[in-house]
Amino acid sequence: MNLTPSQWAALLPLLYPVIGGCLVALMSLDKDQATTKWIRAAMYGTALLAVGATFWYLTDLWTTGSQPTFFQLHMDRLAQFTGIFVVVAAALTILQGWDHFHQEGWVKGETLALLLFSVSGMILFAATTHFVALFLGLELFSIPLYALVGTVRARSESAEGGMKYFLTGAVASSCFLMGGVLIYGLSGTLDLAVAAPVLVAKGLGTDPLVLVGAALLLLGFLFKVSAVPFHQWTPDAYEASPHPIAGFMSVATKGVAFIALLRIFPGSLAPLGAVGVKMQAVMAVLAVATLVLGNLTALVQTNVKRMLAYSSISHAGYLMLGFVAGTPAAFNGVLFYLVIYLAMNMGAFGLLTAFGLVGEKTTFDDLRGLGWKRPAMGVSAAIIMLSLAGIPPMGGFYGKYMIFRELVATGHVGMAILGVLASLVSAYYYLRFLVALFLQSPGAEAERLASDRPAVHAPLAGASVLVCAAIVMAGGFLQAFLANGFARRALADGLGLLR
């Protein structure tokens, strides 16, 4: 089959990471100890080159206004926004991974290959409304993540966390598959954008099976965003994962799932008005449960990674509130918040690597006094944690504000108040991070162990944290530019909203 230039243009953002992943896998076959260091550098360089090429290509499509298609693959503005979002997260993960895996003594090429394959699946998942392509994208980015959670086999909890994630993910994927099958059986088409008008024309818009199918689809999305009650895998998987992988999962998986959810609900299934109203009610109930459970459980954590895991659950609740409001401006706030959330969470997990806290050394006690030893990282930590808590003028505050404003405008005042109260509660455990860094002294045993070990050098992880802190600050002072220049254009040209 001869592909047209437009079709190649739609496929290339998927092909660059796949080609990079294949090359990295081939490089990892080399077992010659004399060339190990060079092979490692080549693998990481190839992975960065693959995501860099994808980033460059997608930004070129964005600036030229080109929106190519390949059958059911639509590389429109929303898909380009998603691709840029994912490859930025992947690039930060690769930079942090170089330092982290050397600290942990587990540098394996398959980790980078799996990461790149997952990137390709994420871009596919957010760039189509065809159910078969959606499911392929879902599995292409999920299966590598199952393996990545348990990638450090020397740690006992890695296998447990990976298995929990795999088993719960398999159930969620099965539900997602069944939901698509029900809608296909009633409409006769696999394209969800076409299915809704067909169901309305057949008089099946309010059929109970359509509602069940939509609910099962929604369940699959909610599992990926760690919404209650589909959150149980999150703390164990994050704690078992290497820090950069946990950060990537917390931002890329959640971001892609929310953007794909936006394309399906309310995008493709908008003609099914009654279904949309019921799904919005479900989102409201689950958003409240997610905010309450995520924040209250994070309060009692002693492990920083588990705290960040429950924090990630609570942030899913804030983003779900945007779907409860259901206005184009609220969806604009969701996309803006995702960009800031990427910087906040990648920076938060990157701090652990930058401070040299790997393996099981991830408790609040391990953080004591490190803010003064690494001032640049300490300042970055303050910016990131204050933004996560939603304190102005950080970018996290404006992301929440854009969503809460639309909740009030649509009459959901109570939910807006709950969101504000949840932010106040979260300030305790985020400030606890800073208290440990700056206001608590390390114990005598910790000081003795630190003096016996060589100083930690993590320049790439530190640089990535500084970049994340800069993005958070830019979100606070340039929020109008980011929201209107990127999020608004993605919604306008991708879904026809906010024109």
Protein backbone atom coordinates (compact mmCIF):
# COMPACT_ATOMS: atom_id res chain seq x y z
CA MET A 1 0.00 0.00 0.00
CA ASN A 2 1.39 3.38 -1.00
CA LEU A 3 0.89 5.98 1.72
CA THR A 4 0.32 9.63 0.92
CA PRO A 5 2.49 12.32 2.54
CA SER A 6 -0.45 13.24 4.80
CA GLN A 7 -0.78 9.65 5.99
CA TRP A 8 2.95 9.43 6.70
CA ALA A 9 2.69 12.72 8.59
CA ALA A 10 0.03 11.20 10.87
CA LEU A 11 2.05 8.04 11.47
CA LEU A 12 5.49 9.51 12.15
CA PRO A 13 4.78 10.62 15.76
CA LEU A 14 4.03 6.95 16.52
CA LEU A 15 6.95 5.56 14.54
CA TYR A 16 9.77 7.63 16.04
CA PRO A 17 9.40 6.17 19.58
CA VAL A 18 8.87 2.64 18.21
CA ILE A 19 12.02 2.82 16.07
CA GLY A 20 13.95 4.23 19.02
CA GLY A 21 12.67 1.43 21.27
CA CYS A 22 13.72 -1.24 18.77
CA LEU A 23 17.22 0.27 18.45
CA VAL A 24 17.64 0.46 22.22
CA ALA A 25 16.55 -3.18 22.57
CA LEU A 26 19.14 -4.23 20.00
CA MET A 27 21.87 -2.23 21.74
CA SER A 28 21.07 -3.90 25.06
CA LEU A 29 22.04 -7.27 23.58
CA ASP A 30 25.72 -6.29 23.76
CA LYS A 31 27.34 -8.05 26.75
CA ASP A 32 30.95 -6.96 26.24
CA GLN A 33 32.13 -5.45 29.54
CA ALA A 34 34.69 -3.32 27.71
CA THR A 35 31.97 -1.39 25.88
CA THR A 36 29.32 -1.31 28.62
CA LYS A 37 29.67 2.39 29.40
CA TRP A 38 29.56 3.39 25.75
CA ILE A 39 26.52 1.20 25.10
CA ARG A 40 24.70 2.70 28.06
CA ALA A 41 25.39 6.22 26.84
CA ALA A 42 24.28 5.26 23.33
CA MET A 43 21.04 3.75 24.63
CA TYR A 44 20.11 6.84 26.62
CA GLY A 45 21.18 9.09 23.75
CA THR A 46 19.03 7.11 21.30
CA ALA A 47 16.04 7.28 23.63
CA LEU A 48 16.44 11.05 24.01
CA LEU A 49 16.86 11.39 20.25
CA ALA A 50 13.64 9.44 19.64
CA VAL A 51 11.54 11.59 21.98
CA GLY A 52 13.33 14.72 20.77
CA ALA A 53 12.50 13.90 17.14
CA THR A 54 8.87 13.31 18.10
CA PHE A 55 8.76 16.60 20.00
CA TRP A 56 10.32 18.52 17.12
CA TYR A 57 7.95 16.95 14.60
CA LEU A 58 4.81 17.59 16.67
CA THR A 59 5.78 21.20 17.36
CA ASP A 60 6.34 21.66 13.63
CA LEU A 61 2.84 20.32 12.93
CA TRP A 62 1.48 22.65 15.60
CA THR A 63 3.17 25.79 14.28
CA THR A 64 2.23 25.08 10.66
CA GLY A 65 -1.36 24.23 11.55
CA SER A 66 -1.22 20.87 9.79
CA GLN A 67 -3.62 18.21 11.14
CA PRO A 68 -2.94 15.03 9.11
CA THR A 69 -5.01 11.84 9.31
CA PHE A 70 -4.44 8.16 8.58
CA PHE A 71 -7.79 6.39 8.37
CA GLN A 72 -9.05 6.51 12.00
CA LEU A 73 -5.86 8.12 13.33
CA HIS A 74 -6.44 11.87 13.67
CA MET A 75 -3.29 13.82 14.44
CA ASP A 76 -5.29 16.97 15.16
CA ARG A 77 -4.41 19.75 17.61
CA LEU A 78 -5.61 17.75 20.61
CA ALA A 79 -3.51 14.73 19.58
CA GLN A 80 -0.50 17.00 18.98
CA PHE A 81 -0.99 18.56 22.42
CA THR A 82 -1.10 15.06 23.92
CA GLY A 83 1.99 13.93 22.04
CA ILE A 84 4.01 16.94 23.19
CA PHE A 85 2.77 16.38 26.75
CA VAL A 86 3.83 12.72 26.70
CA VAL A 87 7.26 13.16 25.11
CA VAL A 88 8.16 15.96 27.53
CA ALA A 89 7.28 13.61 30.41
CA ALA A 90 9.30 10.83 28.74
CA ALA A 91 12.33 13.11 28.25
CA LEU A 92 12.29 14.10 31.93
CA THR A 93 11.96 10.42 32.85
CA ILE A 94 14.99 9.47 30.75
CA LEU A 95 17.11 12.24 32.26
CA GLN A 96 16.15 11.27 35.79
CA GLY A 97 16.52 7.58 34.93
CA TRP A 98 20.20 7.95 34.05
CA ASP A 99 21.02 9.09 37.57
CA HIS A 100 18.47 6.93 39.36
CA PHE A 101 19.39 3.60 37.80
CA HIS A 102 23.10 4.25 38.30
CA GLN A 103 22.42 4.99 41.97
CA GLU A 104 20.34 1.83 42.28
CA GLY A 105 22.82 -0.24 40.27
CA TRP A 106 20.27 -1.46 37.75
CA VAL A 107 20.93 -0.03 34.28
CA LYS A 108 19.06 -2.13 31.75
CA GLY A 109 18.26 -1.21 28.15
CA GLU A 110 14.85 -2.87 28.20
CA THR A 111 13.65 -0.16 30.60
CA LEU A 112 14.14 2.53 27.95
CA ALA A 113 12.69 0.34 25.19
CA LEU A 114 9.53 -0.33 27.20
CA LEU A 115 9.21 3.37 28.01
CA LEU A 116 9.38 4.32 24.31
CA PHE A 117 6.82 1.69 23.32
CA SER A 118 4.52 3.04 26.02
CA VAL A 119 4.94 6.58 24.63
CA SER A 120 3.79 5.40 21.19
CA GLY A 121 0.74 3.70 22.70
CA MET A 122 -0.22 6.82 24.61
CA ILE A 123 -0.14 8.98 21.50
CA LEU A 124 -2.29 6.45 19.64
CA PHE A 125 -4.77 6.21 22.51
CA ALA A 126 -5.44 9.95 22.49
CA ALA A 127 -5.52 10.35 18.69
CA THR A 128 -8.50 8.21 17.70
CA THR A 129 -12.17 7.52 18.36
CA HIS A 130 -12.12 4.10 16.67
CA PHE A 131 -12.62 1.51 19.37
CA VAL A 132 -10.15 -1.06 18.02
CA ALA A 133 -7.41 1.58 17.74
CA LEU A 134 -8.32 2.84 21.22
CA PHE A 135 -7.96 -0.62 22.69
CA LEU A 136 -4.67 -1.24 20.87
CA GLY A 137 -3.31 2.06 22.19
CA LEU A 138 -4.52 1.22 25.71
CA GLU A 139 -2.73 -2.12 25.71
CA LEU A 140 0.37 -0.80 23.96
CA PHE A 141 1.01 1.72 26.69
CA SER A 142 -0.28 -0.39 29.60
CA ILE A 143 1.64 -3.65 29.11
CA PRO A 144 5.09 -1.95 29.11
CA LEU A 145 4.11 -0.11 32.28
CA TYR A 146 3.22 -3.37 34.02
CA ALA A 147 6.77 -4.54 33.32
CA LEU A 148 8.34 -1.19 34.22
CA VAL A 149 6.77 -1.23 37.69
CA GLY A 150 8.66 -4.42 38.49
CA THR A 151 11.76 -3.63 36.47
CA VAL A 152 14.21 -3.63 39.42
CA ARG A 153 13.96 -7.34 40.17
CA ALA A 154 16.50 -7.09 43.01
CA ARG A 155 13.80 -5.42 45.15
CA SER A 156 11.20 -7.78 46.63
CA GLU A 157 8.34 -5.27 46.46
CA SER A 158 8.84 -4.70 42.72
CA ALA A 159 7.31 -8.03 41.73
CA GLU A 160 4.39 -7.54 44.13
CA GLY A 161 3.63 -4.03 42.88
CA GLY A 162 3.91 -5.08 39.24
CA MET A 163 1.60 -8.06 39.73
CA LYS A 164 -1.04 -5.96 41.54
CA TYR A 165 -0.95 -3.40 38.75
CA PHE A 166 -1.18 -6.11 36.09
CA LEU A 167 -4.12 -7.95 37.65
CA THR A 168 -6.21 -4.85 38.33
CA GLY A 169 -5.28 -3.44 34.93
CA ALA A 170 -6.42 -6.63 33.22
CA VAL A 171 -9.83 -6.35 34.88
CA ALA A 172 -10.16 -2.69 33.87
CA SER A 173 -9.14 -3.46 30.27
CA SER A 174 -11.73 -6.24 30.15
CA CYS A 175 -14.43 -3.85 31.30
CA PHE A 176 -13.31 -1.28 28.72
CA LEU A 177 -13.43 -3.95 26.01
CA MET A 178 -16.91 -5.11 27.01
CA GLY A 179 -18.20 -1.53 26.99
CA GLY A 180 -16.98 -1.03 23.44
CA VAL A 181 -18.46 -4.36 22.35
CA LEU A 182 -21.90 -3.39 23.70
CA ILE A 183 -21.88 -0.07 21.86
CA TYR A 184 -20.65 -1.76 18.69
CA GLY A 185 -23.36 -4.42 18.93
CA LEU A 186 -26.10 -1.81 19.18
CA SER A 187 -24.74 0.69 16.64
CA GLY A 188 -22.99 -1.58 14.14
CA THR A 189 -19.91 0.67 13.97
CA LEU A 190 -16.59 0.64 15.80
CA ASP A 191 -16.09 4.39 15.50
CA LEU A 192 -17.48 5.92 18.68
CA ALA A 193 -17.87 9.31 16.97
CA VAL A 194 -20.19 7.68 14.43
CA ALA A 195 -21.89 5.35 16.90
CA ALA A 196 -23.66 8.08 18.88
CA PRO A 197 -25.62 9.59 15.95
CA VAL A 198 -26.47 6.08 14.71
CA LEU A 199 -27.86 5.10 18.11
CA VAL A 200 -29.95 8.28 18.25
CA ALA A 201 -31.28 7.62 14.74
CA LYS A 202 -32.26 4.08 15.76
CA GLY A 203 -34.05 5.37 18.85
CA LEU A 204 -31.56 3.62 21.15
CA GLY A 205 -30.09 6.72 22.73
CA THR A 206 -31.62 5.86 26.12
CA ASP A 207 -31.34 2.08 25.86
CA PRO A 208 -30.07 0.54 29.15
CA LEU A 209 -27.40 -1.42 27.29
CA VAL A 210 -26.00 1.82 25.87
CA LEU A 211 -25.80 3.18 29.39
CA VAL A 212 -24.04 0.01 30.58
CA GLY A 213 -21.59 0.20 27.66
CA ALA A 214 -20.79 3.83 28.38
CA ALA A 215 -20.36 3.06 32.09
CA LEU A 216 -17.91 0.23 31.33
CA LEU A 217 -15.92 2.50 29.02
CA LEU A 218 -15.83 5.13 31.77
CA LEU A 219 -14.60 2.52 34.26
CA GLY A 220 -11.60 1.79 32.06
CA PHE A 221 -10.69 5.47 31.95
CA LEU A 222 -11.20 5.96 35.71
CA PHE A 223 -8.85 3.08 36.49
CA LYS A 224 -6.07 4.76 34.53
CA VAL A 225 -6.57 8.08 36.33
CA SER A 226 -6.59 6.36 39.78
CA ALA A 227 -10.08 7.51 40.70
CA VAL A 228 -11.80 6.00 43.73
CA PRO A 229 -12.77 3.12 43.95
CA PHE A 230 -10.34 2.05 41.20
CA HIS A 231 -7.28 3.41 42.99
CA GLN A 232 -6.08 0.44 45.07
CA TRP A 233 -3.15 -0.34 42.78
CA THR A 234 -1.69 3.16 42.87
CA PRO A 235 0.29 3.36 46.16
CA ASP A 236 1.77 -0.13 45.83
CA ALA A 237 2.70 0.35 42.17
CA TYR A 238 4.29 3.76 42.78
CA GLU A 239 6.24 2.54 45.81
CA ALA A 240 7.52 -0.50 43.89
CA SER A 241 8.52 1.49 40.80
CA PRO A 242 11.81 3.31 40.26
CA HIS A 243 11.25 7.00 41.01
CA PRO A 244 11.33 8.21 37.36
CA ILE A 245 8.89 5.48 36.28
CA ALA A 246 6.52 6.34 39.12
CA GLY A 247 6.66 9.99 38.05
CA PHE A 248 5.99 9.08 34.42
CA MET A 249 3.03 6.90 35.37
CA SER A 250 1.58 9.59 37.61
CA VAL A 251 1.57 12.26 34.90
CA ALA A 252 1.57 10.62 31.46
CA THR A 253 -0.95 7.85 32.16
CA LYS A 254 -3.29 10.21 33.97
CA GLY A 255 -2.94 12.95 31.37
CA VAL A 256 -3.52 10.69 28.38
CA ALA A 257 -6.51 9.03 30.05
CA PHE A 258 -8.14 12.38 30.81
CA ILE A 259 -7.52 13.69 27.28
CA ALA A 260 -8.89 10.50 25.70
CA LEU A 261 -11.85 10.70 28.08
CA LEU A 262 -12.39 14.25 26.88
CA ARG A 263 -12.42 13.05 23.28
CA ILE A 264 -15.02 10.38 24.11
CA PHE A 265 -17.00 12.07 26.92
CA PRO A 266 -18.31 14.61 25.98
CA GLY A 267 -16.74 14.64 22.51
CA SER A 268 -17.86 11.59 20.58
CA LEU A 269 -20.84 10.61 22.74
CA ALA A 270 -22.26 14.15 23.05
CA PRO A 271 -25.38 13.28 20.95
CA LEU A 272 -26.38 10.78 23.65
CA GLY A 273 -27.54 13.55 25.95
CA ALA A 274 -29.17 11.32 28.58
CA VAL A 275 -26.05 9.15 28.82
CA GLY A 276 -23.88 12.23 29.23
CA VAL A 277 -26.02 13.51 32.12
CA LYS A 278 -25.78 10.19 33.95
CA MET A 279 -22.04 9.93 33.37
CA GLN A 280 -21.64 13.47 34.70
CA ALA A 281 -23.53 12.48 37.86
CA VAL A 282 -21.26 9.45 38.30
CA MET A 283 -18.19 11.66 37.85
CA ALA A 284 -19.49 14.05 40.52
CA VAL A 285 -19.92 11.29 43.11
CA LEU A 286 -16.56 9.69 42.35
CA ALA A 287 -14.77 13.06 42.27
CA VAL A 288 -15.96 13.76 45.83
CA ALA A 289 -14.88 10.30 47.00
CA THR A 290 -11.51 10.67 45.25
CA LEU A 291 -10.80 14.06 46.83
CA VAL A 292 -11.78 12.95 50.32
CA LEU A 293 -10.00 9.58 50.34
CA GLY A 294 -6.89 10.79 48.52
CA ASN A 295 -6.25 13.72 50.82
CA LEU A 296 -7.16 12.07 54.13
CA THR A 297 -5.07 8.97 53.41
CA ALA A 298 -2.08 11.06 52.33
CA LEU A 299 -2.08 12.75 55.75
CA VAL A 300 -0.96 9.61 57.58
CA GLN A 301 1.75 8.38 55.21
CA THR A 302 5.33 8.15 56.41
CA ASN A 303 6.75 7.16 53.01
CA VAL A 304 7.14 10.04 50.57
CA LYS A 305 6.32 7.93 47.50
CA ARG A 306 3.10 6.64 49.06
CA MET A 307 2.22 10.20 50.02
CA LEU A 308 2.77 11.29 46.43
CA ALA A 309 0.67 8.32 45.26
CA TYR A 310 -2.32 9.38 47.36
CA SER A 311 -1.64 12.97 46.33
CA SER A 312 -1.90 11.80 42.72
CA ILE A 313 -5.29 10.26 43.52
CA SER A 314 -6.51 13.54 44.99
CA HIS A 315 -5.36 15.48 41.92
CA ALA A 316 -7.43 13.11 39.79
CA GLY A 317 -10.37 14.36 41.85
CA TYR A 318 -9.61 17.99 41.00
CA LEU A 319 -9.41 17.14 37.29
CA MET A 320 -12.68 15.19 37.48
CA LEU A 321 -14.35 18.31 38.84
CA GLY A 322 -13.66 19.91 35.45
CA PHE A 323 -15.81 17.20 33.82
CA VAL A 324 -18.51 17.83 36.43
CA ALA A 325 -18.63 21.50 35.42
CA GLY A 326 -18.73 20.34 31.80
CA THR A 327 -18.12 23.72 30.15
CA PRO A 328 -15.53 24.40 27.44
CA ALA A 329 -13.75 26.77 29.82
CA ALA A 330 -13.60 24.00 32.43
CA PHE A 331 -12.04 21.63 29.90
CA ASN A 332 -9.57 24.38 29.09
CA GLY A 333 -8.72 24.46 32.79
CA VAL A 334 -8.27 20.67 32.80
CA LEU A 335 -5.69 20.82 29.98
CA PHE A 336 -3.87 23.74 31.60
CA TYR A 337 -3.81 21.94 34.94
CA LEU A 338 -2.41 18.79 33.30
CA VAL A 339 0.56 20.76 31.96
CA ILE A 340 1.33 22.18 35.40
CA TYR A 341 0.70 18.80 37.02
CA LEU A 342 3.29 17.25 34.70
CA ALA A 343 5.93 19.65 35.98
CA MET A 344 4.85 19.34 39.62
CA ASN A 345 4.84 15.56 39.86
CA MET A 346 7.87 14.89 37.64
CA GLY A 347 9.70 17.43 39.77
CA ALA A 348 8.50 15.87 43.03
CA PHE A 349 9.67 12.36 42.10
CA GLY A 350 12.84 13.80 40.56
CA LEU A 351 13.72 15.42 43.88
CA LEU A 352 14.09 11.99 45.48
CA THR A 353 16.64 10.98 42.84
CA ALA A 354 18.41 14.35 43.04
CA PHE A 355 18.79 13.94 46.82
CA GLY A 356 20.09 10.38 46.35
CA LEU A 357 17.12 8.71 48.09
CA VAL A 358 16.73 5.43 46.22
CA GLY A 359 15.44 1.99 47.15
CA GLU A 360 13.67 2.07 50.51
CA LYS A 361 15.25 5.37 51.62
CA THR A 362 12.14 7.39 50.79
CA THR A 363 10.67 8.26 54.19
CA PHE A 364 10.19 11.77 55.55
CA ASP A 365 12.99 11.05 58.03
CA ASP A 366 15.38 10.51 55.11
CA LEU A 367 14.65 14.07 53.89
CA ARG A 368 15.77 15.78 57.09
CA GLY A 369 18.18 18.63 56.55
CA LEU A 370 18.74 17.98 52.86
CA GLY A 371 17.28 21.34 51.83
CA TRP A 372 20.29 23.18 53.26
CA LYS A 373 22.81 20.78 51.75
CA ARG A 374 21.37 21.24 48.23
CA PRO A 375 19.95 24.81 48.20
CA ALA A 376 18.92 24.79 44.51
CA MET A 377 16.99 21.57 45.02
CA GLY A 378 15.53 22.94 48.25
CA VAL A 379 14.18 26.05 46.52
CA SER A 380 12.81 23.91 43.69
CA ALA A 381 11.14 21.65 46.26
CA ALA A 382 9.49 24.68 47.85
CA ILE A 383 8.14 25.86 44.48
CA ILE A 384 6.85 22.41 43.55
CA MET A 385 5.23 21.60 46.92
CA LEU A 386 3.57 25.00 47.25
CA SER A 387 2.19 24.59 43.73
CA LEU A 388 0.87 21.10 44.54
CA ALA A 389 -0.89 22.62 47.54
CA GLY A 390 -2.48 25.25 45.29
CA ILE A 391 -0.85 28.27 46.89
CA PRO A 392 -0.58 31.42 44.71
CA PRO A 393 1.18 32.58 42.62
CA MET A 394 2.26 29.08 41.59
CA GLY A 395 0.82 27.41 38.50
CA GLY A 396 -1.09 24.82 40.54
CA PHE A 397 -3.22 27.57 42.08
CA TYR A 398 -4.37 28.89 38.71
CA GLY A 399 -5.14 25.40 37.41
CA LYS A 400 -7.46 24.76 40.34
CA TYR A 401 -8.91 28.25 40.13
CA MET A 402 -9.92 27.81 36.48
CA ILE A 403 -11.82 24.62 37.40
CA PHE A 404 -13.41 25.97 40.61
CA ARG A 405 -14.56 29.12 38.80
CA GLU A 406 -16.50 27.04 36.29
CA LEU A 407 -18.00 24.91 39.06
CA VAL A 408 -19.40 28.05 40.66
CA ALA A 409 -20.62 29.37 37.30
CA THR A 410 -22.55 26.13 36.64
CA GLY A 411 -24.15 26.03 40.08
CA HIS A 412 -21.87 23.42 41.69
CA VAL A 413 -20.90 25.74 44.55
CA GLY A 414 -20.74 22.94 47.12
CA MET A 415 -18.25 21.00 45.05
CA ALA A 416 -16.12 24.10 44.57
CA ILE A 417 -16.06 24.60 48.35
CA LEU A 418 -15.10 20.95 48.82
CA GLY A 419 -12.25 21.42 46.36
CA VAL A 420 -10.96 24.44 48.29
CA LEU A 421 -11.19 22.56 51.60
CA ALA A 422 -9.35 19.59 50.06
CA SER A 423 -6.57 21.96 48.96
CA LEU A 424 -6.29 23.29 52.51
CA VAL A 425 -6.00 19.75 53.88
CA SER A 426 -3.35 18.87 51.31
CA ALA A 427 -1.23 21.82 52.43
CA TYR A 428 -0.39 19.87 55.61
CA TYR A 429 1.38 16.97 53.96
CA TYR A 430 3.05 19.08 51.28
CA LEU A 431 4.40 21.49 53.90
CA ARG A 432 5.49 18.45 55.91
CA PHE A 433 7.88 17.70 53.03
CA LEU A 434 9.39 21.19 53.34
CA VAL A 435 9.54 21.01 57.14
CA ALA A 436 11.62 17.85 56.87
CA LEU A 437 13.93 19.48 54.32
CA PHE A 438 14.56 22.74 56.15
CA LEU A 439 13.39 22.62 59.78
CA GLN A 440 14.43 19.15 60.96
CA SER A 441 17.96 17.90 61.58
CA PRO A 442 19.03 14.43 60.49
CA GLY A 443 19.48 11.85 63.21
CA ALA A 444 22.92 10.83 64.47
CA GLU A 445 22.71 7.46 62.74
CA ALA A 446 21.74 9.10 59.44
CA GLU A 447 24.65 11.53 59.74
CA ARG A 448 27.07 8.68 60.40
CA LEU A 449 25.84 6.69 57.41
CA ALA A 450 25.98 9.78 55.19
CA SER A 451 29.59 10.45 56.19
CA ASP A 452 30.54 6.89 55.25
CA ARG A 453 29.04 7.12 51.78
CA PRO A 454 30.41 9.13 48.85
CA ALA A 455 28.54 12.30 47.95
CA VAL A 456 25.61 11.82 45.60
CA HIS A 457 25.93 13.39 42.16
CA ALA A 458 22.75 13.51 40.10
CA PRO A 459 23.27 16.38 37.64
CA LEU A 460 20.69 15.27 35.08
CA ALA A 461 18.00 14.62 37.67
CA GLY A 462 18.81 17.97 39.28
CA ALA A 463 18.58 19.75 35.93
CA SER A 464 15.21 18.14 35.22
CA VAL A 465 13.90 19.31 38.61
CA LEU A 466 15.02 22.87 37.85
CA VAL A 467 13.18 22.71 34.51
CA CYS A 468 10.05 21.49 36.29
CA ALA A 469 10.26 24.31 38.83
CA ALA A 470 10.64 26.83 36.00
CA ILE A 471 7.53 25.45 34.26
CA VAL A 472 5.57 25.72 37.51
CA MET A 473 6.61 29.34 37.92
CA ALA A 474 5.79 30.08 34.27
CA GLY A 475 2.34 28.60 34.85
CA GLY A 476 1.84 31.08 37.65
CA PHE A 477 2.94 34.20 35.80
CA LEU A 478 2.14 33.27 32.18
CA GLN A 479 -1.06 31.30 32.73
CA ALA A 480 -3.04 33.31 30.15
CA PHE A 481 -0.43 32.59 27.47
CA LEU A 482 -0.31 28.87 28.26
CA ALA A 483 -4.07 28.48 28.59
CA ASN A 484 -4.97 30.46 25.48
CA GLY A 485 -1.98 29.63 23.33
CA PHE A 486 -2.00 25.87 23.83
CA ALA A 487 -4.93 24.41 25.77
CA ARG A 488 -7.55 26.62 24.14
CA ARG A 489 -6.24 25.95 20.60
CA ALA A 490 -6.16 22.19 21.26
CA LEU A 491 -9.83 22.26 22.26
CA ALA A 492 -10.84 24.59 19.45
CA ASP A 493 -9.20 22.68 16.61
CA GLY A 494 -9.38 19.22 18.13
CA LEU A 495 -12.94 19.10 19.47
CA GLY A 496 -14.49 22.25 18.04
CA LEU A 497 -14.82 23.86 21.47
CA LEU A 498 -13.98 27.44 22.50
CA ARG A 499 -14.07 28.82 19.00
